C-alpha cells in the first residue's frame, strides 16, 4: 500500500477513535446517580482519548520521517511528546480501572459486609 493511502487510513481510524472516546466521556452522564461508576469511566475515556491523540501524532511523525524531515518542538524531538501523551493516557486508564475494584480495609470489614448481606 502506498504511503499516502496508509496515512489516510491511519488518520481516519484514529479520528474515529477520538470521536468515540469523546462520546464515551460525554455519555457518562447516564451514570449521574452512580458517582461510583461515573468517575472511573471518565478517567478511562480521557485516557483512551489521549492515547488516540498520541497514535495520531505518531502516524504524523512517521510520515514526516519518511519524507526526510525531523520535527522538533522546544528543541525536543516530537517523539518525546508522543511518549509523554501516551504514558499520561495509559496512567489515566489505569487510575480509572483501579477505581472499579473494591478492596476491604481490614478483616473486620469483610465480616461486616458479609453480615449485612444476611
C-alpha atoms as a PDB file:
ATOM      1  CA  UNK A   1       0.000   0.000   0.000  1.00  0.00           C
ATOM      2  CA  UNK A   2       1.355   3.432  -0.818  1.00  0.00           C
ATOM      3  CA  UNK A   3       2.261   5.827   1.975  1.00  0.00           C
ATOM      4  CA  UNK A   4      -0.480   8.447   1.336  1.00  0.00           C
ATOM      5  CA  UNK A   5      -3.242   5.811   1.447  1.00  0.00           C
ATOM      6  CA  UNK A   6      -1.783   4.228   4.554  1.00  0.00           C
ATOM      7  CA  UNK A   7      -1.538   7.611   6.251  1.00  0.00           C
ATOM      8  CA  UNK A   8      -5.114   8.445   5.245  1.00  0.00           C
ATOM      9  CA  UNK A   9      -6.417   5.184   6.715  1.00  0.00           C
ATOM     10  CA  UNK A  10      -4.472   5.768   9.939  1.00  0.00           C
ATOM     11  CA  UNK A  11      -5.786   9.309  10.284  1.00  0.00           C
ATOM     12  CA  UNK A  12      -9.393   8.286   9.590  1.00  0.00           C
ATOM     13  CA  UNK A  13      -9.288   5.379  12.053  1.00  0.00           C
ATOM     14  CA  UNK A  14      -7.668   7.458  14.794  1.00  0.00           C
ATOM     15  CA  UNK A  15     -10.084  10.340  14.285  1.00  0.00           C
ATOM     16  CA  UNK A  16     -12.991   7.884  14.592  1.00  0.00           C
ATOM     17  CA  UNK A  17     -11.334   6.585  17.780  1.00  0.00           C
ATOM     18  CA  UNK A  18     -11.047  10.119  19.153  1.00  0.00           C
ATOM     19  CA  UNK A  19     -14.698  10.836  18.400  1.00  0.00           C
ATOM     20  CA  UNK A  20     -15.703   7.538  20.039  1.00  0.00           C
ATOM     21  CA  UNK A  21     -13.636   8.304  23.159  1.00  0.00           C
ATOM     22  CA  UNK A  22     -15.164  11.789  23.374  1.00  0.00           C
ATOM     23  CA  UNK A  23     -18.662  10.313  23.049  1.00  0.00           C
ATOM     24  CA  UNK A  24     -17.805   7.714  25.692  1.00  0.00           C
ATOM     25  CA  UNK A  25     -16.639  10.524  28.006  1.00  0.00           C
ATOM     26  CA  UNK A  26     -19.774  12.579  27.428  1.00  0.00           C
ATOM     27  CA  UNK A  27     -22.097   9.589  27.849  1.00  0.00           C
ATOM     28  CA  UNK A  28     -21.041   9.126  31.466  1.00  0.00           C
ATOM     29  CA  UNK A  29     -23.892  11.464  32.392  1.00  0.00           C
ATOM     30  CA  UNK A  30     -26.062   8.356  32.116  1.00  0.00           C
ATOM     31  CA  UNK A  31     -24.486   7.290  35.412  1.00  0.00           C
ATOM     32  CA  UNK A  32     -25.209  10.621  37.136  1.00  0.00           C
ATOM     33  CA  UNK A  33     -26.921   8.869  40.038  1.00  0.00           C
ATOM     34  CA  UNK A  34     -23.992   6.451  40.405  1.00  0.00           C
ATOM     35  CA  UNK A  35     -20.949   8.604  41.096  1.00  0.00           C
ATOM     36  CA  UNK A  36     -19.089   5.386  41.837  1.00  0.00           C
ATOM     37  CA  UNK A  37     -19.244   4.462  38.136  1.00  0.00           C
ATOM     38  CA  UNK A  38     -19.110   7.920  36.586  1.00  0.00           C
ATOM     39  CA  UNK A  39     -15.633   8.942  37.754  1.00  0.00           C
ATOM     40  CA  UNK A  40     -13.761   5.784  36.664  1.00  0.00           C
ATOM     41  CA  UNK A  41     -15.429   5.808  33.261  1.00  0.00           C
ATOM     42  CA  UNK A  42     -14.426   9.440  32.752  1.00  0.00           C
ATOM     43  CA  UNK A  43     -10.801   8.607  33.633  1.00  0.00           C
ATOM     44  CA  UNK A  44     -10.790   5.680  31.224  1.00  0.00           C
ATOM     45  CA  UNK A  45     -12.369   7.727  28.414  1.00  0.00           C
ATOM     46  CA  UNK A  46      -9.875  10.554  28.922  1.00  0.00           C
ATOM     47  CA  UNK A  47      -7.015   8.038  28.824  1.00  0.00           C
ATOM     48  CA  UNK A  48      -8.318   6.490  25.605  1.00  0.00           C
ATOM     49  CA  UNK A  49      -8.649   9.970  24.108  1.00  0.00           C
ATOM     50  CA  UNK A  50      -5.041  10.849  24.983  1.00  0.00           C
ATOM     51  CA  UNK A  51      -3.729   7.571  23.601  1.00  0.00           C
ATOM     52  CA  UNK A  52      -5.632   8.146  20.351  1.00  0.00           C
ATOM     53  CA  UNK A  53      -4.119  11.629  20.072  1.00  0.00           C
ATOM     54  CA  UNK A  54      -0.700  10.083  20.712  1.00  0.00           C
ATOM     55  CA  UNK A  55      -1.220   7.499  17.964  1.00  0.00           C
ATOM     56  CA  UNK A  56      -2.288  10.258  15.592  1.00  0.00           C
ATOM     57  CA  UNK A  57       0.881  12.153  16.467  1.00  0.00           C
ATOM     58  CA  UNK A  58       2.977   9.003  15.933  1.00  0.00           C
ATOM     59  CA  UNK A  59       1.483   8.487  12.463  1.00  0.00           C
ATOM     60  CA  UNK A  60       2.266  12.090  11.582  1.00  0.00           C
ATOM     61  CA  UNK A  61       5.835  11.751  12.890  1.00  0.00           C
ATOM     62  CA  UNK A  62       6.331   8.521  10.959  1.00  0.00           C
ATOM     63  CA  UNK A  63       5.085  10.060   7.725  1.00  0.00           C
ATOM     64  CA  UNK A  64       7.270  13.147   8.103  1.00  0.00           C
ATOM     65  CA  UNK A  65      10.329  10.997   8.822  1.00  0.00           C
ATOM     66  CA  UNK A  66       9.651   9.022   5.628  1.00  0.00           C
ATOM     67  CA  UNK A  67       9.799  12.340   3.817  1.00  0.00           C
ATOM     68  CA  UNK A  68      13.164  13.065   5.429  1.00  0.00           C
ATOM     69  CA  UNK A  69      12.010  15.671   7.934  1.00  0.00           C
ATOM     70  CA  UNK A  70      12.845  15.674  11.641  1.00  0.00           C
ATOM     71  CA  UNK A  71      10.329  17.605  13.744  1.00  0.00           C
ATOM     72  CA  UNK A  72      11.268  19.479  16.916  1.00  0.00           C
ATOM     73  CA  UNK A  73       9.217  21.373  19.474  1.00  0.00           C
ATOM     74  CA  UNK A  74      11.068  23.467  22.054  1.00  0.00           C
ATOM     75  CA  UNK A  75      14.361  21.852  20.950  1.00  0.00           C
ATOM     76  CA  UNK A  76      12.995  18.364  21.741  1.00  0.00           C
ATOM     77  CA  UNK A  77      12.092  15.774  19.123  1.00  0.00           C
ATOM     78  CA  UNK A  78       8.352  15.432  18.688  1.00  0.00           C
ATOM     79  CA  UNK A  79       8.636  11.759  19.659  1.00  0.00           C
ATOM     80  CA  UNK A  80       9.224  12.843  23.266  1.00  0.00           C
ATOM     81  CA  UNK A  81       5.790  14.436  23.408  1.00  0.00           C
ATOM     82  CA  UNK A  82       4.224  11.336  21.858  1.00  0.00           C
ATOM     83  CA  UNK A  83       5.638   9.184  24.657  1.00  0.00           C
ATOM     84  CA  UNK A  84       4.555  11.675  27.324  1.00  0.00           C
ATOM     85  CA  UNK A  85       0.980  11.787  25.976  1.00  0.00           C
ATOM     86  CA  UNK A  86       0.879   8.000  25.664  1.00  0.00           C
ATOM     87  CA  UNK A  87       2.128   7.482  29.235  1.00  0.00           C
ATOM     88  CA  UNK A  88      -0.345  10.003  30.667  1.00  0.00           C
ATOM     89  CA  UNK A  89      -3.198   8.316  28.756  1.00  0.00           C
ATOM     90  CA  UNK A  90      -2.152   4.887  29.998  1.00  0.00           C
ATOM     91  CA  UNK A  91      -1.990   6.155  33.575  1.00  0.00           C
ATOM     92  CA  UNK A  92      -5.481   7.643  33.186  1.00  0.00           C
ATOM     93  CA  UNK A  93      -6.838   4.258  32.091  1.00  0.00           C
ATOM     94  CA  UNK A  94      -5.007   2.531  34.934  1.00  0.00           C
ATOM     95  CA  UNK A  95      -6.309   5.018  37.504  1.00  0.00           C
ATOM     96  CA  UNK A  96      -9.871   4.661  36.225  1.00  0.00           C
ATOM     97  CA  UNK A  97      -9.735   0.875  36.100  1.00  0.00           C
ATOM     98  CA  UNK A  98      -8.346   0.630  39.629  1.00  0.00           C
ATOM     99  CA  UNK A  99     -11.367   2.547  40.917  1.00  0.00           C
ATOM    100  CA  UNK A 100     -13.622  -0.306  39.780  1.00  0.00           C
ATOM    101  CA  UNK A 101     -12.057  -2.745  42.222  1.00  0.00           C
ATOM    102  CA  UNK A 102     -13.261  -2.912  45.797  1.00  0.00           C
ATOM    103  CA  UNK A 103     -10.790  -3.912  48.461  1.00  0.00           C
ATOM    104  CA  UNK A 104     -11.899  -4.168  52.087  1.00  0.00           C
ATOM    105  CA  UNK A 105      -9.746  -2.208  54.518  1.00  0.00           C
ATOM    106  CA  UNK A 106      -9.338  -4.940  57.084  1.00  0.00           C
ATOM    107  CA  UNK A 107     -10.607  -8.304  58.240  1.00  0.00           C
ATOM    108  CA  UNK A 108     -13.450  -6.717  60.197  1.00  0.00           C
ATOM    109  CA  UNK A 109     -14.794  -5.034  57.064  1.00  0.00           C
ATOM    110  CA  UNK A 110     -15.169  -8.366  55.301  1.00  0.00           C
ATOM    111  CA  UNK A 111     -17.169  -9.773  58.219  1.00  0.00           C
ATOM    112  CA  UNK A 112     -19.293  -6.623  58.425  1.00  0.00           C
ATOM    113  CA  UNK A 113     -20.097  -6.747  54.706  1.00  0.00           C
ATOM    114  CA  UNK A 114     -20.937 -10.465  54.897  1.00  0.00           C
ATOM    115  CA  UNK A 115     -23.252  -9.912  57.900  1.00  0.00           C
ATOM    116  CA  UNK A 116     -25.037  -7.007  56.249  1.00  0.00           C
ATOM    117  CA  UNK A 117     -25.935  -9.234  53.310  1.00  0.00           C
ATOM    118  CA  UNK A 118     -27.970 -11.578  55.573  1.00  0.00           C
END
